[in-house]
């Protein structure tokens, strides 16, 4: 019985190498495939919008649970409009302004 399993080893090795190559090929996704495959709540149109080259996220804005959500949104929107960010970019970047607890 041990001899027959040794005879199958090259075939099994070839199948494993083929499967490994398939898995590695799946890992080489383009950025577009990555963003759409990660189950984002945003549409493909929003995800496809390029980020402005000089976009700077505001350092002073972070929303924590219990803070004024309307004030936070107003400050964020004003800052992003000053940066010239499109609505799509504002949608994508907004979750970055939440503290850990507010992300839940």
PDB file of N, CA and C in Angstrom:
ATOM      1  N   UNK A   1       0.827  -1.193   0.000  1.00  0.00           N
ATOM      2  CA  UNK A   1       0.000   0.000   0.000  1.00  0.00           C
ATOM      3  C   UNK A   1       0.870   1.257   0.000  1.00  0.00           C
ATOM      4  N   UNK A   2       1.972   1.204   0.668  1.00  0.00           N
ATOM      5  CA  UNK A   2       2.868   2.346   0.697  1.00  0.00           C
ATOM      6  C   UNK A   2       3.469   2.601  -0.672  1.00  0.00           C
ATOM      7  N   UNK A   3       3.732   1.549  -1.442  1.00  0.00           N
ATOM      8  CA  UNK A   3       4.317   1.711  -2.768  1.00  0.00           C
ATOM      9  C   UNK A   3       3.357   2.421  -3.706  1.00  0.00           C
ATOM     10  N   UNK A   4       2.060   2.108  -3.643  1.00  0.00           N
ATOM     11  CA  UNK A   4       1.097   2.764  -4.539  1.00  0.00           C
ATOM     12  C   UNK A   4       0.935   4.242  -4.192  1.00  0.00           C
ATOM     13  N   UNK A   5       1.006   4.583  -2.910  1.00  0.00           N
ATOM     14  CA  UNK A   5       0.896   5.991  -2.545  1.00  0.00           C
ATOM     15  C   UNK A   5       2.126   6.763  -2.996  1.00  0.00           C
ATOM     16  N   UNK A   6       3.285   6.114  -3.029  1.00  0.00           N
ATOM     17  CA  UNK A   6       4.485   6.770  -3.529  1.00  0.00           C
ATOM     18  C   UNK A   6       4.399   6.985  -5.032  1.00  0.00           C
ATOM     19  N   UNK A   7       3.748   6.083  -5.741  1.00  0.00           N
ATOM     20  CA  UNK A   7       3.598   6.228  -7.187  1.00  0.00           C
ATOM     21  C   UNK A   7       2.681   7.403  -7.518  1.00  0.00           C
ATOM     22  N   UNK A   8       1.739   7.711  -6.670  1.00  0.00           N
ATOM     23  CA  UNK A   8       0.809   8.812  -6.908  1.00  0.00           C
ATOM     24  C   UNK A   8       1.399  10.165  -6.518  1.00  0.00           C
ATOM     25  N   UNK A   9       2.470  10.171  -5.809  1.00  0.00           N
ATOM     26  CA  UNK A   9       3.037  11.412  -5.301  1.00  0.00           C
ATOM     27  C   UNK A   9       3.342  12.438  -6.392  1.00  0.00           C
ATOM     28  N   UNK A  10       3.972  12.088  -7.511  1.00  0.00           N
ATOM     29  CA  UNK A  10       4.220  13.109  -8.541  1.00  0.00           C
ATOM     30  C   UNK A  10       2.929  13.729  -9.082  1.00  0.00           C
ATOM     31  N   UNK A  11       1.894  12.923  -9.268  1.00  0.00           N
ATOM     32  CA  UNK A  11       0.612  13.457  -9.736  1.00  0.00           C
ATOM     33  C   UNK A  11       0.005  14.388  -8.695  1.00  0.00           C
ATOM     34  N   UNK A  12       0.059  13.971  -7.453  1.00  0.00           N
ATOM     35  CA  UNK A  12      -0.473  14.807  -6.382  1.00  0.00           C
ATOM     36  C   UNK A  12       0.319  16.103  -6.262  1.00  0.00           C
ATOM     37  N   UNK A  13       1.623  16.002  -6.398  1.00  0.00           N
ATOM     38  CA  UNK A  13       2.465  17.191  -6.339  1.00  0.00           C
ATOM     39  C   UNK A  13       2.127  18.145  -7.484  1.00  0.00           C
ATOM     40  N   UNK A  14       1.923  17.606  -8.661  1.00  0.00           N
ATOM     41  CA  UNK A  14       1.558  18.441  -9.812  1.00  0.00           C
ATOM     42  C   UNK A  14       0.211  19.131  -9.581  1.00  0.00           C
ATOM     43  N   UNK A  15      -0.748  18.403  -9.014  1.00  0.00           N
ATOM     44  CA  UNK A  15      -2.058  18.998  -8.725  1.00  0.00           C
ATOM     45  C   UNK A  15      -1.929  20.100  -7.676  1.00  0.00           C
ATOM     46  N   UNK A  16      -1.101  19.871  -6.669  1.00  0.00           N
ATOM     47  CA  UNK A  16      -0.906  20.886  -5.635  1.00  0.00           C
ATOM     48  C   UNK A  16      -0.225  22.123  -6.208  1.00  0.00           C
ATOM     49  N   UNK A  17       0.760  21.930  -7.082  1.00  0.00           N
ATOM     50  CA  UNK A  17       1.430  23.063  -7.708  1.00  0.00           C
ATOM     51  C   UNK A  17       0.464  23.856  -8.587  1.00  0.00           C
ATOM     52  N   UNK A  18      -0.401  23.148  -9.292  1.00  0.00           N
ATOM     53  CA  UNK A  18      -1.394  23.821 -10.134  1.00  0.00           C
ATOM     54  C   UNK A  18      -2.360  24.628  -9.269  1.00  0.00           C
ATOM     55  N   UNK A  19      -2.810  24.051  -8.187  1.00  0.00           N
ATOM     56  CA  UNK A  19      -3.729  24.751  -7.284  1.00  0.00           C
ATOM     57  C   UNK A  19      -3.050  25.972  -6.664  1.00  0.00           C
ATOM     58  N   UNK A  20      -1.791  25.834  -6.290  1.00  0.00           N
ATOM     59  CA  UNK A  20      -1.041  26.953  -5.730  1.00  0.00           C
ATOM     60  C   UNK A  20      -0.924  28.079  -6.755  1.00  0.00           C
ATOM     61  N   UNK A  21      -0.654  27.733  -8.007  1.00  0.00           N
ATOM     62  CA  UNK A  21      -0.560  28.743  -9.063  1.00  0.00           C
ATOM     63  C   UNK A  21      -1.895  29.464  -9.242  1.00  0.00           C
ATOM     64  N   UNK A  22      -2.998  28.729  -9.162  1.00  0.00           N
ATOM     65  CA  UNK A  22      -4.326  29.341  -9.270  1.00  0.00           C
ATOM     66  C   UNK A  22      -4.569  30.322  -8.124  1.00  0.00           C
ATOM     67  N   UNK A  23      -4.221  29.920  -6.922  1.00  0.00           N
ATOM     68  CA  UNK A  23      -4.412  30.792  -5.762  1.00  0.00           C
ATOM     69  C   UNK A  23      -3.530  32.029  -5.844  1.00  0.00           C
ATOM     70  N   UNK A  24      -2.295  31.868  -6.293  1.00  0.00           N
ATOM     71  CA  UNK A  24      -1.406  33.018  -6.440  1.00  0.00           C
ATOM     72  C   UNK A  24      -1.929  33.975  -7.499  1.00  0.00           C
ATOM     73  N   UNK A  25      -2.492  33.444  -8.572  1.00  0.00           N
ATOM     74  CA  UNK A  25      -3.049  34.299  -9.630  1.00  0.00           C
ATOM     75  C   UNK A  25      -4.218  35.118  -9.099  1.00  0.00           C
ATOM     76  N   UNK A  26      -4.996  34.543  -8.212  1.00  0.00           N
ATOM     77  CA  UNK A  26      -6.122  35.273  -7.623  1.00  0.00           C
ATOM     78  C   UNK A  26      -5.644  36.422  -6.743  1.00  0.00           C
ATOM     79  N   UNK A  27      -4.474  36.304  -6.158  1.00  0.00           N
ATOM     80  CA  UNK A  27      -3.937  37.336  -5.278  1.00  0.00           C
ATOM     81  C   UNK A  27      -3.402  38.536  -6.040  1.00  0.00           C
ATOM     82  N   UNK A  28      -3.223  38.410  -7.323  1.00  0.00           N
ATOM     83  CA  UNK A  28      -2.658  39.486  -8.126  1.00  0.00           C
ATOM     84  C   UNK A  28      -3.763  40.323  -8.757  1.00  0.00           C
ATOM     85  N   UNK A  29      -4.747  40.680  -7.979  1.00  0.00           N
ATOM     86  CA  UNK A  29      -5.849  41.502  -8.469  1.00  0.00           C
ATOM     87  C   UNK A  29      -5.395  42.931  -8.698  1.00  0.00           C
ATOM     88  N   UNK A  30      -6.096  43.596  -9.589  1.00  0.00           N
ATOM     89  CA  UNK A  30      -5.855  45.015  -9.800  1.00  0.00           C
ATOM     90  C   UNK A  30      -6.490  45.787  -8.648  1.00  0.00           C
ATOM     91  N   UNK A  31      -6.103  47.045  -8.432  1.00  0.00           N
ATOM     92  CA  UNK A  31      -6.745  47.832  -7.371  1.00  0.00           C
ATOM     93  C   UNK A  31      -8.260  47.922  -7.550  1.00  0.00           C
ATOM     94  N   UNK A  32      -8.720  47.991  -8.797  1.00  0.00           N
ATOM     95  CA  UNK A  32     -10.158  48.061  -9.042  1.00  0.00           C
ATOM     96  C   UNK A  32     -10.851  46.785  -8.578  1.00  0.00           C
ATOM     97  N   UNK A  33     -10.238  45.635  -8.858  1.00  0.00           N
ATOM     98  CA  UNK A  33     -10.823  44.375  -8.418  1.00  0.00           C
ATOM     99  C   UNK A  33     -10.808  44.279  -6.899  1.00  0.00           C
ATOM    100  N   UNK A  34      -9.744  44.771  -6.284  1.00  0.00           N
ATOM    101  CA  UNK A  34      -9.655  44.724  -4.827  1.00  0.00           C
ATOM    102  C   UNK A  34     -10.772  45.534  -4.183  1.00  0.00           C
ATOM    103  N   UNK A  35     -10.991  46.746  -4.665  1.00  0.00           N
ATOM    104  CA  UNK A  35     -11.988  47.596  -4.027  1.00  0.00           C
ATOM    105  C   UNK A  35     -13.396  47.083  -4.253  1.00  0.00           C
ATOM    106  N   UNK A  36     -13.667  46.475  -5.397  1.00  0.00           N
ATOM    107  CA  UNK A  36     -15.018  45.989  -5.641  1.00  0.00           C
ATOM    108  C   UNK A  36     -15.248  44.622  -5.013  1.00  0.00           C
ATOM    109  N   UNK A  37     -14.192  43.841  -4.775  1.00  0.00           N
ATOM    110  CA  UNK A  37     -14.346  42.513  -4.193  1.00  0.00           C
ATOM    111  C   UNK A  37     -14.422  42.530  -2.668  1.00  0.00           C
ATOM    112  N   UNK A  38     -14.203  43.663  -2.045  1.00  0.00           N
ATOM    113  CA  UNK A  38     -14.154  43.682  -0.576  1.00  0.00           C
ATOM    114  C   UNK A  38     -15.493  44.048   0.049  1.00  0.00           C
ATOM    115  N   UNK A  39     -16.551  43.977  -0.717  1.00  0.00           N
ATOM    116  CA  UNK A  39     -17.906  44.214  -0.221  1.00  0.00           C
ATOM    117  C   UNK A  39     -18.084  45.615   0.345  1.00  0.00           C
ATOM    118  N   UNK A  40     -17.635  46.576  -0.389  1.00  0.00           N
ATOM    119  CA  UNK A  40     -17.780  47.970   0.014  1.00  0.00           C
ATOM    120  C   UNK A  40     -19.244  48.385  -0.092  1.00  0.00           C
ATOM    121  N   UNK A  41     -19.689  49.289   0.763  1.00  0.00           N
ATOM    122  CA  UNK A  41     -21.067  49.778   0.648  1.00  0.00           C
ATOM    123  C   UNK A  41     -21.240  50.751  -0.512  1.00  0.00           C
ATOM    124  N   UNK A  42     -20.147  51.133  -1.168  1.00  0.00           N
ATOM    125  CA  UNK A  42     -20.219  52.120  -2.231  1.00  0.00           C
ATOM    126  C   UNK A  42     -20.391  51.461  -3.594  1.00  0.00           C
ATOM    127  N   UNK A  43     -21.009  52.209  -4.512  1.00  0.00           N
ATOM    128  CA  UNK A  43     -21.187  51.719  -5.874  1.00  0.00           C
ATOM    129  C   UNK A  43     -19.845  51.718  -6.596  1.00  0.00           C
ATOM    130  N   UNK A  44     -19.785  50.992  -7.702  1.00  0.00           N
ATOM    131  CA  UNK A  44     -18.551  50.952  -8.485  1.00  0.00           C
ATOM    132  C   UNK A  44     -18.192  52.336  -9.011  1.00  0.00           C
ATOM    133  N   UNK A  45     -19.208  53.155  -9.333  1.00  0.00           N
ATOM    134  CA  UNK A  45     -18.939  54.519  -9.811  1.00  0.00           C
ATOM    135  C   UNK A  45     -18.189  55.330  -8.759  1.00  0.00           C
ATOM    136  N   UNK A  46     -18.622  55.227  -7.524  1.00  0.00           N
ATOM    137  CA  UNK A  46     -17.963  55.972  -6.444  1.00  0.00           C
ATOM    138  C   UNK A  46     -16.553  55.436  -6.212  1.00  0.00           C
ATOM    139  N   UNK A  47     -16.402  54.127  -6.208  1.00  0.00           N
ATOM    140  CA  UNK A  47     -15.089  53.536  -5.971  1.00  0.00           C
ATOM    141  C   UNK A  47     -14.101  53.835  -7.096  1.00  0.00           C
ATOM    142  N   UNK A  48     -14.605  54.072  -8.293  1.00  0.00           N
ATOM    143  CA  UNK A  48     -13.728  54.308  -9.448  1.00  0.00           C
ATOM    144  C   UNK A  48     -13.212  55.740  -9.533  1.00  0.00           C
ATOM    145  N   UNK A  49     -13.798  56.658  -8.772  1.00  0.00           N
ATOM    146  CA  UNK A  49     -13.362  58.059  -8.832  1.00  0.00           C
ATOM    147  C   UNK A  49     -11.940  58.179  -8.286  1.00  0.00           C
ATOM    148  N   UNK A  50     -11.054  58.821  -9.049  1.00  0.00           N
ATOM    149  CA  UNK A  50      -9.676  58.974  -8.555  1.00  0.00           C
ATOM    150  C   UNK A  50      -9.596  60.000  -7.433  1.00  0.00           C
ATOM    151  N   UNK A  51      -8.705  59.753  -6.511  1.00  0.00           N
ATOM    152  CA  UNK A  51      -8.491  60.707  -5.421  1.00  0.00           C
ATOM    153  C   UNK A  51      -7.715  61.910  -5.946  1.00  0.00           C
ATOM    154  N   UNK A  52      -8.081  63.111  -5.508  1.00  0.00           N
ATOM    155  CA  UNK A  52      -7.297  64.287  -5.897  1.00  0.00           C
ATOM    156  C   UNK A  52      -5.860  64.142  -5.388  1.00  0.00           C
ATOM    157  N   UNK A  53      -4.899  64.550  -6.192  1.00  0.00           N
ATOM    158  CA  UNK A  53      -3.489  64.375  -5.827  1.00  0.00           C
ATOM    159  C   UNK A  53      -3.110  65.122  -4.557  1.00  0.00           C
ATOM    160  N   UNK A  54      -3.724  66.255  -4.312  1.00  0.00           N
ATOM    161  CA  UNK A  54      -3.349  67.064  -3.147  1.00  0.00           C
ATOM    162  C   UNK A  54      -4.376  66.980  -2.016  1.00  0.00           C
ATOM    163  N   UNK A  55      -5.209  65.962  -2.028  1.00  0.00           N
ATOM    164  CA  UNK A  55      -6.223  65.820  -0.985  1.00  0.00           C
ATOM    165  C   UNK A  55      -5.548  65.591   0.363  1.00  0.00           C
ATOM    166  N   UNK A  56      -5.945  66.380   1.339  1.00  0.00           N
ATOM    167  CA  UNK A  56      -5.437  66.223   2.704  1.00  0.00           C
ATOM    168  C   UNK A  56      -6.626  66.009   3.621  1.00  0.00           C
ATOM    169  N   UNK A  57      -6.582  64.907   4.331  1.00  0.00           N
ATOM    170  CA  UNK A  57      -7.633  64.648   5.304  1.00  0.00           C
ATOM    171  C   UNK A  57      -7.407  65.557   6.503  1.00  0.00           C
ATOM    172  N   UNK A  58      -8.477  66.128   7.022  1.00  0.00           N
ATOM    173  CA  UNK A  58      -8.331  67.015   8.179  1.00  0.00           C
ATOM    174  C   UNK A  58      -7.855  66.241   9.400  1.00  0.00           C
ATOM    175  N   UNK A  59      -6.864  66.777  10.076  1.00  0.00           N
ATOM    176  CA  UNK A  59      -6.327  66.141  11.273  1.00  0.00           C
ATOM    177  C   UNK A  59      -7.206  66.408  12.491  1.00  0.00           C
ATOM    178  N   UNK A  60      -7.913  67.522  12.484  1.00  0.00           N
ATOM    179  CA  UNK A  60      -8.671  67.906  13.660  1.00  0.00           C
ATOM    180  C   UNK A  60     -10.024  67.214  13.761  1.00  0.00           C
ATOM    181  N   UNK A  61     -10.445  66.569  12.710  1.00  0.00           N
ATOM    182  CA  UNK A  61     -11.776  65.981  12.726  1.00  0.00           C
ATOM    183  C   UNK A  61     -11.695  64.491  13.037  1.00  0.00           C
ATOM    184  N   UNK A  62     -12.318  64.094  14.107  1.00  0.00           N
ATOM    185  CA  UNK A  62     -12.558  62.681  14.376  1.00  0.00           C
ATOM    186  C   UNK A  62     -13.823  62.617  15.212  1.00  0.00           C
ATOM    187  N   UNK A  63     -14.694  61.746  14.815  1.00  0.00           N
ATOM    188  CA  UNK A  63     -15.971  61.631  15.502  1.00  0.00           C
ATOM    189  C   UNK A  63     -15.899  60.510  16.522  1.00  0.00           C
ATOM    190  N   UNK A  64     -16.280  60.818  17.735  1.00  0.00           N
ATOM    191  CA  UNK A  64     -16.377  59.819  18.789  1.00  0.00           C
ATOM    192  C   UNK A  64     -17.837  59.691  19.184  1.00  0.00           C
ATOM    193  N   UNK A  65     -18.226  58.499  19.575  1.00  0.00           N
ATOM    194  CA  UNK A  65     -19.596  58.246  20.006  1.00  0.00           C
ATOM    195  C   UNK A  65     -19.973  59.243  21.090  1.00  0.00           C
ATOM    196  N   UNK A  66     -21.080  59.924  20.914  1.00  0.00           N
ATOM    197  CA  UNK A  66     -21.534  60.896  21.896  1.00  0.00           C
ATOM    198  C   UNK A  66     -21.306  62.329  21.466  1.00  0.00           C
ATOM    199  N   UNK A  67     -20.406  62.561  20.525  1.00  0.00           N
ATOM    200  CA  UNK A  67     -20.190  63.914  20.008  1.00  0.00           C
ATOM    201  C   UNK A  67     -21.378  64.336  19.149  1.00  0.00           C
ATOM    202  N   UNK A  68     -21.390  65.589  18.765  1.00  0.00           N
ATOM    203  CA  UNK A  68     -22.448  66.134  17.921  1.00  0.00           C
ATOM    204  C   UNK A  68     -22.263  65.643  16.484  1.00  0.00           C
ATOM    205  N   UNK A  69     -23.082  64.696  16.005  1.00  0.00           N
ATOM    206  CA  UNK A  69     -22.886  64.154  14.658  1.00  0.00           C
ATOM    207  C   UNK A  69     -23.134  65.183  13.554  1.00  0.00           C
ATOM    208  N   UNK A  70     -24.098  66.086  13.750  1.00  0.00           N
ATOM    209  CA  UNK A  70     -24.389  67.097  12.728  1.00  0.00           C
ATOM    210  C   UNK A  70     -23.223  68.079  12.613  1.00  0.00           C
ATOM    211  N   UNK A  71     -22.696  68.511  13.741  1.00  0.00           N
ATOM    212  CA  UNK A  71     -21.542  69.402  13.730  1.00  0.00           C
ATOM    213  C   UNK A  71     -20.332  68.738  13.082  1.00  0.00           C
ATOM    214  N   UNK A  72     -20.129  67.469  13.392  1.00  0.00           N
ATOM    215  CA  UNK A  72     -19.020  66.721  12.796  1.00  0.00           C
ATOM    216  C   UNK A  72     -19.167  66.666  11.277  1.00  0.00           C
ATOM    217  N   UNK A  73     -20.361  66.345  10.810  1.00  0.00           N
ATOM    218  CA  UNK A  73     -20.614  66.264   9.369  1.00  0.00           C
ATOM    219  C   UNK A  73     -20.429  67.626   8.701  1.00  0.00           C
ATOM    220  N   UNK A  74     -20.906  68.681   9.339  1.00  0.00           N
ATOM    221  CA  UNK A  74     -20.745  70.033   8.779  1.00  0.00           C
ATOM    222  C   UNK A  74     -19.269  70.416   8.653  1.00  0.00           C
ATOM    223  N   UNK A  75     -18.481  70.166   9.693  1.00  0.00           N
ATOM    224  CA  UNK A  75     -17.050  70.495   9.645  1.00  0.00           C
ATOM    225  C   UNK A  75     -16.337  69.676   8.569  1.00  0.00           C
ATOM    226  N   UNK A  76     -16.665  68.400   8.515  1.00  0.00           N
ATOM    227  CA  UNK A  76     -16.057  67.515   7.513  1.00  0.00           C
ATOM    228  C   UNK A  76     -16.396  67.981   6.096  1.00  0.00           C
ATOM    229  N   UNK A  77     -17.669  68.242   5.848  1.00  0.00           N
ATOM    230  CA  UNK A  77     -18.105  68.669   4.516  1.00  0.00           C
ATOM    231  C   UNK A  77     -17.427  69.973   4.117  1.00  0.00           C
ATOM    232  N   UNK A  78     -17.369  70.925   5.025  1.00  0.00           N
ATOM    233  CA  UNK A  78     -16.716  72.202   4.728  1.00  0.00           C
ATOM    234  C   UNK A  78     -15.252  71.997   4.364  1.00  0.00           C
ATOM    235  N   UNK A  79     -14.543  71.184   5.148  1.00  0.00           N
ATOM    236  CA  UNK A  79     -13.132  70.934   4.881  1.00  0.00           C
ATOM    237  C   UNK A  79     -12.940  70.274   3.515  1.00  0.00           C
ATOM    238  N   UNK A  80     -13.728  69.260   3.224  1.00  0.00           N
ATOM    239  CA  UNK A  80     -13.574  68.532   1.967  1.00  0.00           C
ATOM    240  C   UNK A  80     -13.942  69.403   0.766  1.00  0.00           C
ATOM    241  N   UNK A  81     -14.941  70.268   0.918  1.00  0.00           N
ATOM    242  CA  UNK A  81     -15.288  71.185  -0.166  1.00  0.00           C
ATOM    243  C   UNK A  81     -14.143  72.153  -0.436  1.00  0.00           C
ATOM    244  N   UNK A  82     -13.484  72.634   0.619  1.00  0.00           N
ATOM    245  CA  UNK A  82     -12.315  73.498   0.444  1.00  0.00           C
ATOM    246  C   UNK A  82     -11.194  72.780  -0.305  1.00  0.00           C
ATOM    247  N   UNK A  83     -11.102  71.480  -0.126  1.00  0.00           N
ATOM    248  CA  UNK A  83     -10.088  70.673  -0.808  1.00  0.00           C
ATOM    249  C   UNK A  83     -10.461  70.393  -2.267  1.00  0.00           C
ATOM    250  N   UNK A  84     -11.698  70.703  -2.646  1.00  0.00           N
ATOM    251  CA  UNK A  84     -12.151  70.426  -4.007  1.00  0.00           C
ATOM    252  C   UNK A  84     -12.539  68.977  -4.230  1.00  0.00           C
ATOM    253  N   UNK A  85     -12.869  68.272  -3.153  1.00  0.00           N
ATOM    254  CA  UNK A  85     -13.233  66.859  -3.268  1.00  0.00           C
ATOM    255  C   UNK A  85     -14.644  66.716  -3.818  1.00  0.00           C
ATOM    256  N   UNK A  86     -14.810  65.756  -4.697  1.00  0.00           N
ATOM    257  CA  UNK A  86     -16.136  65.466  -5.241  1.00  0.00           C
ATOM    258  C   UNK A  86     -16.975  64.759  -4.178  1.00  0.00           C
ATOM    259  N   UNK A  87     -18.267  64.672  -4.429  1.00  0.00           N
ATOM    260  CA  UNK A  87     -19.140  63.953  -3.498  1.00  0.00           C
ATOM    261  C   UNK A  87     -18.667  62.512  -3.321  1.00  0.00           C
ATOM    262  N   UNK A  88     -18.274  61.876  -4.416  1.00  0.00           N
ATOM    263  CA  UNK A  88     -17.836  60.480  -4.344  1.00  0.00           C
ATOM    264  C   UNK A  88     -16.641  60.327  -3.412  1.00  0.00           C
ATOM    265  N   UNK A  89     -15.701  61.251  -3.492  1.00  0.00           N
ATOM    266  CA  UNK A  89     -14.523  61.183  -2.618  1.00  0.00           C
ATOM    267  C   UNK A  89     -14.923  61.461  -1.179  1.00  0.00           C
ATOM    268  N   UNK A  90     -15.839  62.402  -0.975  1.00  0.00           N
ATOM    269  CA  UNK A  90     -16.311  62.676   0.391  1.00  0.00           C
ATOM    270  C   UNK A  90     -16.974  61.443   0.986  1.00  0.00           C
ATOM    271  N   UNK A  91     -17.762  60.724   0.187  1.00  0.00           N
ATOM    272  CA  UNK A  91     -18.415  59.513   0.684  1.00  0.00           C
ATOM    273  C   UNK A  91     -17.374  58.485   1.102  1.00  0.00           C
ATOM    274  N   UNK A  92     -16.377  58.283   0.256  1.00  0.00           N
ATOM    275  CA  UNK A  92     -15.359  57.266   0.537  1.00  0.00           C
ATOM    276  C   UNK A  92     -14.505  57.612   1.749  1.00  0.00           C
ATOM    277  N   UNK A  93     -14.196  58.875   1.929  1.00  0.00           N
ATOM    278  CA  UNK A  93     -13.277  59.279   2.992  1.00  0.00           C
ATOM    279  C   UNK A  93     -13.967  59.465   4.345  1.00  0.00           C
ATOM    280  N   UNK A  94     -15.262  59.672   4.356  1.00  0.00           N
ATOM    281  CA  UNK A  94     -15.958  59.991   5.609  1.00  0.00           C
ATOM    282  C   UNK A  94     -15.735  58.970   6.727  1.00  0.00           C
ATOM    283  N   UNK A  95     -15.789  57.662   6.457  1.00  0.00           N
ATOM    284  CA  UNK A  95     -15.568  56.709   7.556  1.00  0.00           C
ATOM    285  C   UNK A  95     -14.202  56.839   8.220  1.00  0.00           C
ATOM    286  N   UNK A  96     -13.245  57.435   7.536  1.00  0.00           N
ATOM    287  CA  UNK A  96     -11.913  57.612   8.125  1.00  0.00           C
ATOM    288  C   UNK A  96     -11.915  58.611   9.273  1.00  0.00           C
ATOM    289  N   UNK A  97     -12.993  59.370   9.412  1.00  0.00           N
ATOM    290  CA  UNK A  97     -13.066  60.375  10.474  1.00  0.00           C
ATOM    291  C   UNK A  97     -13.638  59.818  11.772  1.00  0.00           C
ATOM    292  N   UNK A  98     -13.991  58.546  11.804  1.00  0.00           N
ATOM    293  CA  UNK A  98     -14.576  57.951  13.002  1.00  0.00           C
ATOM    294  C   UNK A  98     -13.499  57.358  13.894  1.00  0.00           C
ATOM    295  N   UNK A  99     -13.692  57.509  15.184  1.00  0.00           N
ATOM    296  CA  UNK A  99     -12.854  56.815  16.153  1.00  0.00           C
ATOM    297  C   UNK A  99     -13.338  55.369  16.227  1.00  0.00           C
ATOM    298  N   UNK A 100     -12.546  54.505  16.828  1.00  0.00           N
ATOM    299  CA  UNK A 100     -12.861  53.074  16.881  1.00  0.00           C
ATOM    300  C   UNK A 100     -14.267  52.781  17.372  1.00  0.00           C
ATOM    301  N   UNK A 101     -14.649  53.404  18.444  1.00  0.00           N
ATOM    302  CA  UNK A 101     -15.952  53.109  19.036  1.00  0.00           C
ATOM    303  C   UNK A 101     -17.101  53.526  18.120  1.00  0.00           C
ATOM    304  N   UNK A 102     -16.938  54.621  17.387  1.00  0.00           N
ATOM    305  CA  UNK A 102     -17.982  55.091  16.480  1.00  0.00           C
ATOM    306  C   UNK A 102     -18.093  54.216  15.241  1.00  0.00           C
ATOM    307  N   UNK A 103     -17.081  53.415  14.951  1.00  0.00           N
ATOM    308  CA  UNK A 103     -17.108  52.538  13.783  1.00  0.00           C
ATOM    309  C   UNK A 103     -18.010  51.329  14.002  1.00  0.00           C
ATOM    310  N   UNK A 104     -18.337  51.034  15.221  1.00  0.00           N
ATOM    311  CA  UNK A 104     -19.146  49.834  15.513  1.00  0.00           C
ATOM    312  C   UNK A 104     -20.573  50.015  15.140  1.00  0.00           C
TER     313      UNK A 104
END
